[in-house]
């Protein structure tokens, strides 16, 4: 197989792959809408960003998706989710015998 023929086959394969960015954009909008609806109709109606973040995380949303739904940043979501966990005590470093 010649190099030109190989290149032509690769170009044919690449050009036959559909552009899915439009579909991914639509699915992102649908996912955010479902998350907003889930918050709206939740039995306990979480009020704070931390409570809302935990609720959406329990539904399987990622930090980026939660941030998009709540109109905040993924870093804020990360901090709010971390606030809900108790801190683990630090282990003391073992000292050598003096």
PDB file of N, CA and C in Angstrom:
ATOM      1  N   UNK A   1       0.857  -1.173   0.000  1.00  0.00           N
ATOM      2  CA  UNK A   1       0.000   0.000   0.000  1.00  0.00           C
ATOM      3  C   UNK A   1       0.900   1.232   0.000  1.00  0.00           C
ATOM      4  N   UNK A   2       0.592   2.134  -0.869  1.00  0.00           N
ATOM      5  CA  UNK A   2       1.401   3.340  -0.976  1.00  0.00           C
ATOM      6  C   UNK A   2       0.998   4.346   0.089  1.00  0.00           C
ATOM      7  N   UNK A   3       1.873   5.290   0.328  1.00  0.00           N
ATOM      8  CA  UNK A   3       1.613   6.314   1.339  1.00  0.00           C
ATOM      9  C   UNK A   3       0.427   7.187   0.947  1.00  0.00           C
ATOM     10  N   UNK A   4       0.298   7.470  -0.365  1.00  0.00           N
ATOM     11  CA  UNK A   4      -0.828   8.305  -0.813  1.00  0.00           C
ATOM     12  C   UNK A   4      -2.148   7.582  -0.626  1.00  0.00           C
ATOM     13  N   UNK A   5      -2.149   6.292  -0.898  1.00  0.00           N
ATOM     14  CA  UNK A   5      -3.388   5.517  -0.756  1.00  0.00           C
ATOM     15  C   UNK A   5      -3.797   5.430   0.715  1.00  0.00           C
ATOM     16  N   UNK A   6      -2.805   5.215   1.583  1.00  0.00           N
ATOM     17  CA  UNK A   6      -3.070   5.169   3.021  1.00  0.00           C
ATOM     18  C   UNK A   6      -3.636   6.494   3.513  1.00  0.00           C
ATOM     19  N   UNK A   7      -3.029   7.595   3.050  1.00  0.00           N
ATOM     20  CA  UNK A   7      -3.489   8.922   3.444  1.00  0.00           C
ATOM     21  C   UNK A   7      -4.919   9.159   2.968  1.00  0.00           C
ATOM     22  N   UNK A   8      -5.239   8.715   1.750  1.00  0.00           N
ATOM     23  CA  UNK A   8      -6.589   8.877   1.206  1.00  0.00           C
ATOM     24  C   UNK A   8      -7.606   8.081   2.021  1.00  0.00           C
ATOM     25  N   UNK A   9      -7.234   6.869   2.460  1.00  0.00           N
ATOM     26  CA  UNK A   9      -8.146   6.057   3.280  1.00  0.00           C
ATOM     27  C   UNK A   9      -8.395   6.711   4.631  1.00  0.00           C
ATOM     28  N   UNK A  10      -7.347   7.265   5.220  1.00  0.00           N
ATOM     29  CA  UNK A  10      -7.502   7.941   6.517  1.00  0.00           C
ATOM     30  C   UNK A  10      -8.397   9.164   6.372  1.00  0.00           C
ATOM     31  N   UNK A  11      -8.196   9.941   5.329  1.00  0.00           N
ATOM     32  CA  UNK A  11      -9.038  11.119   5.094  1.00  0.00           C
ATOM     33  C   UNK A  11     -10.489  10.727   4.883  1.00  0.00           C
ATOM     34  N   UNK A  12     -10.727   9.598   4.198  1.00  0.00           N
ATOM     35  CA  UNK A  12     -12.090   9.115   3.986  1.00  0.00           C
ATOM     36  C   UNK A  12     -12.729   8.741   5.315  1.00  0.00           C
ATOM     37  N   UNK A  13     -11.972   8.050   6.178  1.00  0.00           N
ATOM     38  CA  UNK A  13     -12.503   7.668   7.487  1.00  0.00           C
ATOM     39  C   UNK A  13     -12.817   8.890   8.341  1.00  0.00           C
ATOM     40  N   UNK A  14     -11.919   9.858   8.350  1.00  0.00           N
ATOM     41  CA  UNK A  14     -12.106  11.064   9.163  1.00  0.00           C
ATOM     42  C   UNK A  14     -13.298  11.862   8.661  1.00  0.00           C
ATOM     43  N   UNK A  15     -13.465  11.964   7.353  1.00  0.00           N
ATOM     44  CA  UNK A  15     -14.572  12.751   6.813  1.00  0.00           C
ATOM     45  C   UNK A  15     -15.915  12.059   6.998  1.00  0.00           C
ATOM     46  N   UNK A  16     -15.910  10.741   7.224  1.00  0.00           N
ATOM     47  CA  UNK A  16     -17.172  10.028   7.397  1.00  0.00           C
ATOM     48  C   UNK A  16     -17.684  10.081   8.828  1.00  0.00           C
ATOM     49  N   UNK A  17     -16.863  10.551   9.773  1.00  0.00           N
ATOM     50  CA  UNK A  17     -17.287  10.684  11.169  1.00  0.00           C
ATOM     51  C   UNK A  17     -18.152  11.939  11.282  1.00  0.00           C
ATOM     52  N   UNK A  18     -19.386  11.790  11.779  1.00  0.00           N
ATOM     53  CA  UNK A  18     -20.266  12.960  11.871  1.00  0.00           C
ATOM     54  C   UNK A  18     -19.818  13.919  12.980  1.00  0.00           C
ATOM     55  N   UNK A  19     -20.136  15.178  12.810  1.00  0.00           N
ATOM     56  CA  UNK A  19     -19.842  16.191  13.812  1.00  0.00           C
ATOM     57  C   UNK A  19     -20.941  16.137  14.871  1.00  0.00           C
ATOM     58  N   UNK A  20     -20.581  15.762  16.074  1.00  0.00           N
ATOM     59  CA  UNK A  20     -21.557  15.556  17.144  1.00  0.00           C
ATOM     60  C   UNK A  20     -21.617  16.708  18.144  1.00  0.00           C
ATOM     61  N   UNK A  21     -20.926  17.806  17.869  1.00  0.00           N
ATOM     62  CA  UNK A  21     -20.903  18.905  18.829  1.00  0.00           C
ATOM     63  C   UNK A  21     -22.300  19.494  19.051  1.00  0.00           C
ATOM     64  N   UNK A  22     -23.102  19.570  17.994  1.00  0.00           N
ATOM     65  CA  UNK A  22     -24.460  20.098  18.135  1.00  0.00           C
ATOM     66  C   UNK A  22     -25.292  19.188  19.037  1.00  0.00           C
ATOM     67  N   UNK A  23     -25.149  17.885  18.849  1.00  0.00           N
ATOM     68  CA  UNK A  23     -25.892  16.925  19.664  1.00  0.00           C
ATOM     69  C   UNK A  23     -25.436  16.976  21.123  1.00  0.00           C
ATOM     70  N   UNK A  24     -24.142  17.061  21.339  1.00  0.00           N
ATOM     71  CA  UNK A  24     -23.611  17.140  22.704  1.00  0.00           C
ATOM     72  C   UNK A  24     -24.113  18.405  23.391  1.00  0.00           C
ATOM     73  N   UNK A  25     -24.165  19.508  22.670  1.00  0.00           N
ATOM     74  CA  UNK A  25     -24.673  20.765  23.235  1.00  0.00           C
ATOM     75  C   UNK A  25     -26.136  20.607  23.661  1.00  0.00           C
ATOM     76  N   UNK A  26     -26.932  19.999  22.799  1.00  0.00           N
ATOM     77  CA  UNK A  26     -28.349  19.793  23.133  1.00  0.00           C
ATOM     78  C   UNK A  26     -28.515  18.885  24.346  1.00  0.00           C
ATOM     79  N   UNK A  27     -27.731  17.817  24.403  1.00  0.00           N
ATOM     80  CA  UNK A  27     -27.822  16.895  25.535  1.00  0.00           C
ATOM     81  C   UNK A  27     -27.385  17.566  26.834  1.00  0.00           C
ATOM     82  N   UNK A  28     -26.428  18.460  26.759  1.00  0.00           N
ATOM     83  CA  UNK A  28     -26.000  19.214  27.941  1.00  0.00           C
ATOM     84  C   UNK A  28     -27.145  20.082  28.454  1.00  0.00           C
ATOM     85  N   UNK A  29     -27.845  20.727  27.546  1.00  0.00           N
ATOM     86  CA  UNK A  29     -28.993  21.565  27.929  1.00  0.00           C
ATOM     87  C   UNK A  29     -30.081  20.714  28.563  1.00  0.00           C
ATOM     88  N   UNK A  30     -30.351  19.559  27.982  1.00  0.00           N
ATOM     89  CA  UNK A  30     -31.378  18.658  28.528  1.00  0.00           C
ATOM     90  C   UNK A  30     -30.977  18.192  29.921  1.00  0.00           C
ATOM     91  N   UNK A  31     -29.706  17.836  30.114  1.00  0.00           N
ATOM     92  CA  UNK A  31     -29.228  17.396  31.427  1.00  0.00           C
ATOM     93  C   UNK A  31     -29.372  18.484  32.478  1.00  0.00           C
ATOM     94  N   UNK A  32     -29.010  19.706  32.125  1.00  0.00           N
ATOM     95  CA  UNK A  32     -29.155  20.827  33.073  1.00  0.00           C
ATOM     96  C   UNK A  32     -30.620  21.079  33.410  1.00  0.00           C
ATOM     97  N   UNK A  33     -31.464  20.962  32.420  1.00  0.00           N
ATOM     98  CA  UNK A  33     -32.898  21.174  32.653  1.00  0.00           C
ATOM     99  C   UNK A  33     -33.448  20.119  33.603  1.00  0.00           C
ATOM    100  N   UNK A  34     -33.046  18.880  33.408  1.00  0.00           N
ATOM    101  CA  UNK A  34     -33.516  17.815  34.301  1.00  0.00           C
ATOM    102  C   UNK A  34     -32.998  18.024  35.725  1.00  0.00           C
ATOM    103  N   UNK A  35     -31.777  18.492  35.860  1.00  0.00           N
ATOM    104  CA  UNK A  35     -31.238  18.781  37.189  1.00  0.00           C
ATOM    105  C   UNK A  35     -32.007  19.896  37.875  1.00  0.00           C
ATOM    106  N   UNK A  36     -32.332  20.942  37.124  1.00  0.00           N
ATOM    107  CA  UNK A  36     -33.105  22.054  37.685  1.00  0.00           C
ATOM    108  C   UNK A  36     -34.506  21.592  38.088  1.00  0.00           C
ATOM    109  N   UNK A  37     -35.114  20.743  37.273  1.00  0.00           N
ATOM    110  CA  UNK A  37     -36.438  20.207  37.613  1.00  0.00           C
ATOM    111  C   UNK A  37     -36.373  19.322  38.854  1.00  0.00           C
ATOM    112  N   UNK A  38     -35.316  18.513  38.949  1.00  0.00           N
ATOM    113  CA  UNK A  38     -35.158  17.654  40.122  1.00  0.00           C
ATOM    114  C   UNK A  38     -35.038  18.504  41.390  1.00  0.00           C
ATOM    115  N   UNK A  39     -34.308  19.609  41.317  1.00  0.00           N
ATOM    116  CA  UNK A  39     -34.203  20.508  42.468  1.00  0.00           C
ATOM    117  C   UNK A  39     -35.551  21.119  42.818  1.00  0.00           C
ATOM    118  N   UNK A  40     -36.260  21.521  41.792  1.00  0.00           N
ATOM    119  CA  UNK A  40     -37.550  22.192  42.013  1.00  0.00           C
ATOM    120  C   UNK A  40     -38.586  21.278  42.663  1.00  0.00           C
ATOM    121  N   UNK A  41     -38.581  20.007  42.266  1.00  0.00           N
ATOM    122  CA  UNK A  41     -39.595  19.081  42.759  1.00  0.00           C
ATOM    123  C   UNK A  41     -39.070  18.116  43.808  1.00  0.00           C
ATOM    124  N   UNK A  42     -37.914  18.409  44.380  1.00  0.00           N
ATOM    125  CA  UNK A  42     -37.357  17.574  45.449  1.00  0.00           C
ATOM    126  C   UNK A  42     -38.267  17.656  46.662  1.00  0.00           C
ATOM    127  N   UNK A  43     -38.440  16.553  47.357  1.00  0.00           N
ATOM    128  CA  UNK A  43     -39.340  16.568  48.522  1.00  0.00           C
ATOM    129  C   UNK A  43     -38.895  17.529  49.619  1.00  0.00           C
ATOM    130  N   UNK A  44     -37.579  17.708  49.807  1.00  0.00           N
ATOM    131  CA  UNK A  44     -37.108  18.552  50.906  1.00  0.00           C
ATOM    132  C   UNK A  44     -36.707  19.954  50.457  1.00  0.00           C
ATOM    133  N   UNK A  45     -36.710  20.248  49.157  1.00  0.00           N
ATOM    134  CA  UNK A  45     -36.356  21.562  48.596  1.00  0.00           C
ATOM    135  C   UNK A  45     -35.090  22.134  49.233  1.00  0.00           C
ATOM    136  N   UNK A  46     -33.905  21.619  48.840  1.00  0.00           N
ATOM    137  CA  UNK A  46     -32.660  22.144  49.401  1.00  0.00           C
ATOM    138  C   UNK A  46     -32.511  23.638  49.141  1.00  0.00           C
ATOM    139  N   UNK A  47     -32.078  24.381  50.165  1.00  0.00           N
ATOM    140  CA  UNK A  47     -32.044  25.833  50.067  1.00  0.00           C
ATOM    141  C   UNK A  47     -30.645  26.396  49.786  1.00  0.00           C
ATOM    142  N   UNK A  48     -29.619  25.870  50.442  1.00  0.00           N
ATOM    143  CA  UNK A  48     -28.279  26.425  50.276  1.00  0.00           C
ATOM    144  C   UNK A  48     -27.570  25.784  49.082  1.00  0.00           C
ATOM    145  N   UNK A  49     -26.501  26.440  48.641  1.00  0.00           N
ATOM    146  CA  UNK A  49     -25.715  25.903  47.524  1.00  0.00           C
ATOM    147  C   UNK A  49     -25.121  24.552  47.902  1.00  0.00           C
ATOM    148  N   UNK A  50     -24.696  24.415  49.155  1.00  0.00           N
ATOM    149  CA  UNK A  50     -24.139  23.145  49.623  1.00  0.00           C
ATOM    150  C   UNK A  50     -25.168  22.022  49.581  1.00  0.00           C
ATOM    151  N   UNK A  51     -26.367  22.312  50.068  1.00  0.00           N
ATOM    152  CA  UNK A  51     -27.434  21.306  50.053  1.00  0.00           C
ATOM    153  C   UNK A  51     -27.829  20.946  48.626  1.00  0.00           C
ATOM    154  N   UNK A  52     -27.924  21.959  47.773  1.00  0.00           N
ATOM    155  CA  UNK A  52     -28.267  21.695  46.376  1.00  0.00           C
ATOM    156  C   UNK A  52     -27.177  20.886  45.687  1.00  0.00           C
ATOM    157  N   UNK A  53     -25.929  21.216  45.982  1.00  0.00           N
ATOM    158  CA  UNK A  53     -24.800  20.494  45.390  1.00  0.00           C
ATOM    159  C   UNK A  53     -24.812  19.031  45.812  1.00  0.00           C
ATOM    160  N   UNK A  54     -25.039  18.790  47.112  1.00  0.00           N
ATOM    161  CA  UNK A  54     -25.092  17.405  47.596  1.00  0.00           C
ATOM    162  C   UNK A  54     -26.247  16.642  46.961  1.00  0.00           C
ATOM    163  N   UNK A  55     -27.393  17.302  46.804  1.00  0.00           N
ATOM    164  CA  UNK A  55     -28.543  16.654  46.193  1.00  0.00           C
ATOM    165  C   UNK A  55     -28.233  16.268  44.746  1.00  0.00           C
ATOM    166  N   UNK A  56     -27.682  17.199  43.976  1.00  0.00           N
ATOM    167  CA  UNK A  56     -27.365  16.919  42.577  1.00  0.00           C
ATOM    168  C   UNK A  56     -26.245  15.891  42.458  1.00  0.00           C
ATOM    169  N   UNK A  57     -25.275  15.921  43.366  1.00  0.00           N
ATOM    170  CA  UNK A  57     -24.200  14.923  43.351  1.00  0.00           C
ATOM    171  C   UNK A  57     -24.777  13.533  43.605  1.00  0.00           C
ATOM    172  N   UNK A  58     -25.776  13.444  44.479  1.00  0.00           N
ATOM    173  CA  UNK A  58     -26.394  12.142  44.757  1.00  0.00           C
ATOM    174  C   UNK A  58     -27.150  11.607  43.544  1.00  0.00           C
ATOM    175  N   UNK A  59     -27.527  12.498  42.636  1.00  0.00           N
ATOM    176  CA  UNK A  59     -28.202  12.076  41.402  1.00  0.00           C
ATOM    177  C   UNK A  59     -27.198  11.678  40.320  1.00  0.00           C
ATOM    178  N   UNK A  60     -25.916  11.891  40.581  1.00  0.00           N
ATOM    179  CA  UNK A  60     -24.892  11.463  39.643  1.00  0.00           C
ATOM    180  C   UNK A  60     -24.319  12.553  38.768  1.00  0.00           C
ATOM    181  N   UNK A  61     -24.637  13.805  39.036  1.00  0.00           N
ATOM    182  CA  UNK A  61     -24.089  14.912  38.250  1.00  0.00           C
ATOM    183  C   UNK A  61     -22.635  15.152  38.643  1.00  0.00           C
ATOM    184  N   UNK A  62     -21.816  15.571  37.687  1.00  0.00           N
ATOM    185  CA  UNK A  62     -20.418  15.911  37.957  1.00  0.00           C
ATOM    186  C   UNK A  62     -20.337  17.335  38.504  1.00  0.00           C
ATOM    187  N   UNK A  63     -19.154  17.717  38.987  1.00  0.00           N
ATOM    188  CA  UNK A  63     -18.964  19.068  39.517  1.00  0.00           C
ATOM    189  C   UNK A  63     -19.249  20.118  38.444  1.00  0.00           C
ATOM    190  N   UNK A  64     -18.797  19.871  37.238  1.00  0.00           N
ATOM    191  CA  UNK A  64     -19.030  20.830  36.149  1.00  0.00           C
ATOM    192  C   UNK A  64     -20.520  20.946  35.830  1.00  0.00           C
ATOM    193  N   UNK A  65     -21.225  19.827  35.824  1.00  0.00           N
ATOM    194  CA  UNK A  65     -22.662  19.864  35.547  1.00  0.00           C
ATOM    195  C   UNK A  65     -23.420  20.570  36.669  1.00  0.00           C
ATOM    196  N   UNK A  66     -23.040  20.291  37.904  1.00  0.00           N
ATOM    197  CA  UNK A  66     -23.688  20.947  39.051  1.00  0.00           C
ATOM    198  C   UNK A  66     -23.454  22.452  38.980  1.00  0.00           C
ATOM    199  N   UNK A  67     -22.228  22.845  38.662  1.00  0.00           N
ATOM    200  CA  UNK A  67     -21.908  24.271  38.551  1.00  0.00           C
ATOM    201  C   UNK A  67     -22.757  24.924  37.467  1.00  0.00           C
ATOM    202  N   UNK A  68     -22.954  24.247  36.354  1.00  0.00           N
ATOM    203  CA  UNK A  68     -23.786  24.786  35.279  1.00  0.00           C
ATOM    204  C   UNK A  68     -25.235  24.940  35.700  1.00  0.00           C
ATOM    205  N   UNK A  69     -25.738  23.990  36.447  1.00  0.00           N
ATOM    206  CA  UNK A  69     -27.135  24.041  36.900  1.00  0.00           C
ATOM    207  C   UNK A  69     -27.334  25.158  37.918  1.00  0.00           C
ATOM    208  N   UNK A  70     -26.382  25.288  38.842  1.00  0.00           N
ATOM    209  CA  UNK A  70     -26.522  26.271  39.925  1.00  0.00           C
ATOM    210  C   UNK A  70     -25.994  27.652  39.555  1.00  0.00           C
ATOM    211  N   UNK A  71     -25.348  27.776  38.413  1.00  0.00           N
ATOM    212  CA  UNK A  71     -24.818  29.077  37.999  1.00  0.00           C
ATOM    213  C   UNK A  71     -23.626  29.514  38.826  1.00  0.00           C
ATOM    214  N   UNK A  72     -22.762  28.592  39.141  1.00  0.00           N
ATOM    215  CA  UNK A  72     -21.573  28.885  39.924  1.00  0.00           C
ATOM    216  C   UNK A  72     -20.383  28.187  39.273  1.00  0.00           C
ATOM    217  N   UNK A  73     -19.258  28.119  39.965  1.00  0.00           N
ATOM    218  CA  UNK A  73     -18.075  27.490  39.393  1.00  0.00           C
ATOM    219  C   UNK A  73     -17.889  26.081  39.969  1.00  0.00           C
ATOM    220  N   UNK A  74     -17.183  25.211  39.242  1.00  0.00           N
ATOM    221  CA  UNK A  74     -16.908  23.878  39.778  1.00  0.00           C
ATOM    222  C   UNK A  74     -16.112  23.927  41.076  1.00  0.00           C
ATOM    223  N   UNK A  75     -15.240  24.930  41.229  1.00  0.00           N
ATOM    224  CA  UNK A  75     -14.463  25.077  42.465  1.00  0.00           C
ATOM    225  C   UNK A  75     -15.383  25.348  43.655  1.00  0.00           C
ATOM    226  N   UNK A  76     -16.392  26.201  43.472  1.00  0.00           N
ATOM    227  CA  UNK A  76     -17.352  26.483  44.541  1.00  0.00           C
ATOM    228  C   UNK A  76     -18.100  25.218  44.923  1.00  0.00           C
ATOM    229  N   UNK A  77     -18.501  24.451  43.923  1.00  0.00           N
ATOM    230  CA  UNK A  77     -19.208  23.193  44.180  1.00  0.00           C
ATOM    231  C   UNK A  77     -18.309  22.258  44.983  1.00  0.00           C
ATOM    232  N   UNK A  78     -17.044  22.167  44.601  1.00  0.00           N
ATOM    233  CA  UNK A  78     -16.098  21.308  45.305  1.00  0.00           C
ATOM    234  C   UNK A  78     -15.956  21.714  46.763  1.00  0.00           C
ATOM    235  N   UNK A  79     -15.840  23.010  47.004  1.00  0.00           N
ATOM    236  CA  UNK A  79     -15.696  23.517  48.376  1.00  0.00           C
ATOM    237  C   UNK A  79     -16.959  23.235  49.184  1.00  0.00           C
ATOM    238  N   UNK A  80     -18.113  23.488  48.601  1.00  0.00           N
ATOM    239  CA  UNK A  80     -19.373  23.274  49.323  1.00  0.00           C
ATOM    240  C   UNK A  80     -19.590  21.804  49.646  1.00  0.00           C
ATOM    241  N   UNK A  81     -19.211  20.915  48.727  1.00  0.00           N
ATOM    242  CA  UNK A  81     -19.345  19.483  48.998  1.00  0.00           C
ATOM    243  C   UNK A  81     -18.362  19.030  50.072  1.00  0.00           C
ATOM    244  N   UNK A  82     -17.183  19.625  50.087  1.00  0.00           N
ATOM    245  CA  UNK A  82     -16.189  19.270  51.102  1.00  0.00           C
ATOM    246  C   UNK A  82     -16.607  19.760  52.482  1.00  0.00           C
ATOM    247  N   UNK A  83     -17.349  20.848  52.543  1.00  0.00           N
ATOM    248  CA  UNK A  83     -17.811  21.373  53.834  1.00  0.00           C
ATOM    249  C   UNK A  83     -18.756  20.401  54.529  1.00  0.00           C
ATOM    250  N   UNK A  84     -19.424  19.567  53.781  1.00  0.00           N
ATOM    251  CA  UNK A  84     -20.381  18.638  54.369  1.00  0.00           C
ATOM    252  C   UNK A  84     -19.740  17.408  54.980  1.00  0.00           C
ATOM    253  N   UNK A  85     -18.440  17.204  54.736  1.00  0.00           N
ATOM    254  CA  UNK A  85     -17.756  16.038  55.269  1.00  0.00           C
ATOM    255  C   UNK A  85     -16.991  16.408  56.523  1.00  0.00           C
ATOM    256  N   UNK A  86     -17.059  15.545  57.543  1.00  0.00           N
ATOM    257  CA  UNK A  86     -16.244  15.831  58.729  1.00  0.00           C
ATOM    258  C   UNK A  86     -14.765  15.639  58.394  1.00  0.00           C
ATOM    259  N   UNK A  87     -13.933  16.443  58.989  1.00  0.00           N
ATOM    260  CA  UNK A  87     -12.495  16.340  58.734  1.00  0.00           C
ATOM    261  C   UNK A  87     -11.939  15.144  59.472  1.00  0.00           C
ATOM    262  N   UNK A  88     -11.017  14.472  58.823  1.00  0.00           N
ATOM    263  CA  UNK A  88     -10.334  13.357  59.468  1.00  0.00           C
ATOM    264  C   UNK A  88      -9.227  13.909  60.355  1.00  0.00           C
ATOM    265  N   UNK A  89      -9.052  13.319  61.521  1.00  0.00           N
ATOM    266  CA  UNK A  89      -7.949  13.797  62.363  1.00  0.00           C
ATOM    267  C   UNK A  89      -6.613  13.454  61.711  1.00  0.00           C
ATOM    268  N   UNK A  90      -5.668  14.345  61.858  1.00  0.00           N
ATOM    269  CA  UNK A  90      -4.342  14.119  61.295  1.00  0.00           C
ATOM    270  C   UNK A  90      -3.591  13.098  62.134  1.00  0.00           C
ATOM    271  N   UNK A  91      -2.848  12.260  61.446  1.00  0.00           N
ATOM    272  CA  UNK A  91      -2.026  11.292  62.163  1.00  0.00           C
ATOM    273  C   UNK A  91      -0.776  11.997  62.651  1.00  0.00           C
ATOM    274  N   UNK A  92      -0.375  11.671  63.856  1.00  0.00           N
ATOM    275  CA  UNK A  92       0.842  12.247  64.402  1.00  0.00           C
ATOM    276  C   UNK A  92       2.039  11.540  63.791  1.00  0.00           C
ATOM    277  N   UNK A  93       3.059  12.305  63.500  1.00  0.00           N
ATOM    278  CA  UNK A  93       4.270  11.716  62.952  1.00  0.00           C
ATOM    279  C   UNK A  93       5.003  10.973  64.040  1.00  0.00           C
ATOM    280  N   UNK A  94       5.470   9.801  63.674  1.00  0.00           N
ATOM    281  CA  UNK A  94       6.235   9.009  64.639  1.00  0.00           C
ATOM    282  C   UNK A  94       7.620   9.619  64.800  1.00  0.00           C
ATOM    283  N   UNK A  95       8.017   9.786  66.021  1.00  0.00           N
ATOM    284  CA  UNK A  95       9.344  10.349  66.295  1.00  0.00           C
ATOM    285  C   UNK A  95      10.259   9.203  66.704  1.00  0.00           C
ATOM    286  N   UNK A  96      11.467   9.364  66.330  1.00  0.00           N
ATOM    287  CA  UNK A  96      12.474   8.369  66.753  1.00  0.00           C
ATOM    288  C   UNK A  96      12.766   8.495  68.229  1.00  0.00           C
ATOM    289  N   UNK A  97      13.388   7.441  68.779  1.00  0.00           N
ATOM    290  CA  UNK A  97      13.727   7.463  70.208  1.00  0.00           C
ATOM    291  C   UNK A  97      14.871   8.444  70.450  1.00  0.00           C
ATOM    292  N   UNK A  98      14.724   9.235  71.477  1.00  0.00           N
ATOM    293  CA  UNK A  98      15.768  10.233  71.815  1.00  0.00           C
ATOM    294  C   UNK A  98      16.732   9.681  72.772  1.00  0.00           C
TER     295      UNK A  98
END
